Amino acid sequence: MLRYMNFVFLVGVFLTAAPLTSNAEELQVYKSPTCGCCVKWISHLEEFGFTTQTHHPGDLDGLKKELGVTSQSASCHTAVSDQGYVFEGHVPAKYVQQFLDNPAENAIGLAVPAMPLGSPGMEMGDRFQPYKVFQLNKDGSLQVYASVEQQADQY
């Protein structure tokens, strides 16, 4: 059985992305119980074929620190893959999948620090703020993984 990612409408043409198999990665998502943008980001992941389980830890900041998320790379929620990779903040599902398909040897995951306007879960009509997706490295450093210059680049 195959699941298909959502359709993207771009310049009057519907585009589809490659299908994800039904055994797509499950992500454990840790967030505050009152954060609505986190719920929207989780829906974005599920539209792209991921399965999720949501958790509301008592010490979210402590959990982030344990997982290697620094204050420089932090956002409002943290997801962890079955393989132990960390996805901090509003990382587009396409980059989560791309990373999981080919993780860098020295990486622990990806992050979109803060909460960029127009990123998945932070949509506000056609308002959009370009942002970068950073690779989180084992030594605590960050490097640019992707630059998202337009809203359509996320899908």
Protein backbone atom coordinates (compact mmCIF):
# COMPACT_ATOMS: atom_id res chain seq x y z
CA MET A 1 0.00 0.00 0.00
CA LEU A 2 1.31 3.45 -0.85
CA ARG A 3 0.58 6.84 0.67
CA TYR A 4 1.02 9.94 -1.42
CA MET A 5 2.30 13.29 -0.27
CA ASN A 6 -0.05 16.22 -0.59
CA PHE A 7 -0.46 18.05 -3.88
CA VAL A 8 1.12 21.42 -4.42
CA PHE A 9 -0.60 23.97 -6.65
CA LEU A 10 2.03 26.03 -8.43
CA VAL A 11 1.54 28.37 -11.39
CA GLY A 12 -1.73 26.75 -12.40
CA VAL A 13 -0.36 23.18 -12.46
CA PHE A 14 -0.76 20.46 -9.87
CA LEU A 15 2.53 18.81 -9.02
CA THR A 16 2.95 15.66 -6.97
CA ALA A 17 5.95 14.37 -5.15
CA ALA A 18 7.15 10.79 -5.02
CA PRO A 19 5.02 8.44 -2.93
CA LEU A 20 6.08 7.40 0.53
CA THR A 21 5.66 3.77 1.51
CA SER A 22 3.28 2.84 4.30
CA ASN A 23 6.25 1.92 6.48
CA ALA A 24 7.35 5.56 6.63
CA GLU A 25 9.26 6.61 9.68
CA GLU A 26 7.38 7.33 12.88
CA LEU A 27 8.36 10.50 14.69
CA GLN A 28 7.97 11.10 18.41
CA VAL A 29 7.02 14.78 18.76
CA TYR A 30 7.66 16.61 22.03
CA LYS A 31 5.82 19.90 22.53
CA SER A 32 3.91 22.11 24.91
CA PRO A 33 0.27 21.05 25.29
CA THR A 34 -0.90 24.55 24.32
CA CYS A 35 1.12 25.14 21.13
CA GLY A 36 -1.13 25.33 18.06
CA CYS A 37 1.62 25.77 15.47
CA CYS A 38 3.13 22.46 16.63
CA VAL A 39 -0.18 20.74 15.90
CA LYS A 40 -0.18 22.27 12.40
CA TRP A 41 3.41 21.06 11.82
CA ILE A 42 2.43 17.55 12.93
CA SER A 43 -0.44 17.63 10.40
CA HIS A 44 2.06 18.70 7.72
CA LEU A 45 4.22 15.65 8.52
CA GLU A 46 1.23 13.31 8.42
CA GLU A 47 0.10 14.73 5.05
CA PHE A 48 3.51 13.68 3.73
CA GLY A 49 3.13 10.12 5.00
CA PHE A 50 4.87 10.23 8.36
CA THR A 51 3.23 8.79 11.44
CA THR A 52 3.58 10.67 14.70
CA GLN A 53 3.08 10.28 18.42
CA THR A 54 2.76 13.43 20.49
CA HIS A 55 4.20 13.84 23.98
CA HIS A 56 4.01 16.73 26.46
CA PRO A 57 7.08 16.43 28.70
CA GLY A 58 7.29 18.36 31.95
CA ASP A 59 10.75 19.69 31.06
CA LEU A 60 10.80 20.28 27.31
CA ASP A 61 13.91 22.47 27.50
CA GLY A 62 15.75 19.77 29.46
CA LEU A 63 14.78 17.17 26.87
CA LYS A 64 16.03 19.39 24.05
CA LYS A 65 19.35 19.82 25.85
CA GLU A 66 19.61 16.04 26.38
CA LEU A 67 19.05 15.49 22.65
CA GLY A 68 21.76 17.98 21.64
CA VAL A 69 19.52 20.90 20.70
CA THR A 70 21.27 24.13 21.68
CA SER A 71 19.55 27.43 22.44
CA GLN A 72 20.95 28.66 19.10
CA SER A 73 18.95 26.01 17.20
CA ALA A 74 15.85 25.76 19.40
CA SER A 75 12.24 26.23 18.41
CA CYS A 76 8.89 25.26 19.90
CA HIS A 77 8.87 21.49 19.32
CA THR A 78 11.28 18.60 18.87
CA ALA A 79 10.75 15.38 16.94
CA VAL A 80 12.83 12.22 17.19
CA SER A 81 12.90 9.50 14.53
CA ASP A 82 12.99 5.76 15.13
CA GLN A 83 16.71 5.95 14.34
CA GLY A 84 17.27 8.64 16.98
CA TYR A 85 17.64 11.63 14.66
CA VAL A 86 16.36 14.98 15.95
CA PHE A 87 14.19 17.42 13.99
CA GLU A 88 13.86 20.72 15.80
CA GLY A 89 11.19 23.23 14.87
CA HIS A 90 9.34 23.77 11.62
CA VAL A 91 11.51 21.59 9.37
CA PRO A 92 9.59 20.84 6.14
CA ALA A 93 8.67 17.17 5.78
CA LYS A 94 10.51 16.93 2.45
CA TYR A 95 13.80 17.76 4.22
CA VAL A 96 13.04 15.36 7.07
CA GLN A 97 12.58 12.58 4.50
CA GLN A 98 15.63 13.65 2.49
CA PHE A 99 17.78 13.59 5.63
CA LEU A 100 16.45 10.19 6.77
CA ASP A 101 17.14 8.76 3.31
CA ASN A 102 20.78 9.87 3.49
CA PRO A 103 21.90 11.09 6.94
CA ALA A 104 25.30 12.73 7.20
CA GLU A 105 27.74 10.73 9.31
CA ASN A 106 28.46 13.58 11.74
CA ALA A 107 24.84 14.77 12.07
CA ILE A 108 22.22 14.28 14.77
CA GLY A 109 19.42 15.87 12.72
CA LEU A 110 18.01 19.11 11.33
CA ALA A 111 16.69 22.34 12.82
CA VAL A 112 14.75 25.42 11.82
CA PRO A 113 15.48 27.80 14.70
CA ALA A 114 12.76 30.12 15.98
CA MET A 115 9.45 30.09 14.09
CA PRO A 116 9.81 31.58 10.58
CA LEU A 117 6.61 33.05 9.16
CA GLY A 118 5.25 30.85 6.37
CA SER A 119 7.18 27.72 7.34
CA PRO A 120 5.10 24.51 7.76
CA GLY A 121 2.82 25.09 10.72
CA MET A 122 3.43 28.85 10.64
CA GLU A 123 1.44 29.63 7.49
CA MET A 124 -0.36 32.97 7.45
CA GLY A 125 -1.90 33.35 4.00
CA ASP A 126 0.74 34.28 1.45
CA ARG A 127 3.06 35.90 4.02
CA PHE A 128 6.49 34.26 3.97
CA GLN A 129 9.90 34.87 5.51
CA PRO A 130 12.85 33.07 3.84
CA TYR A 131 14.74 30.82 6.25
CA LYS A 132 17.46 28.19 6.50
CA VAL A 133 17.28 24.57 7.56
CA PHE A 134 20.40 23.73 9.56
CA GLN A 135 22.12 20.40 10.04
CA LEU A 136 22.77 19.72 13.73
CA ASN A 137 26.20 18.15 14.10
CA LYS A 138 27.42 15.85 16.86
CA ASP A 139 30.00 18.42 17.97
CA GLY A 140 27.25 21.01 18.55
CA SER A 141 27.97 23.02 15.42
CA LEU A 142 25.42 23.97 12.76
CA GLN A 143 25.77 24.06 9.00
CA VAL A 144 23.27 25.10 6.36
CA TYR A 145 21.41 22.07 5.01
CA ALA A 146 18.93 23.95 2.80
CA SER A 147 17.85 27.52 2.09
CA VAL A 148 14.13 28.04 1.69
CA GLU A 149 13.73 31.21 -0.35
CA GLN A 150 10.08 30.81 -1.42
CA GLN A 151 7.09 29.16 0.22
CA ALA A 152 6.79 26.66 -2.66
CA ASP A 153 10.36 25.42 -1.98
CA GLN A 154 9.07 23.69 1.18
CA TYR A 155 6.86 21.16 -0.55
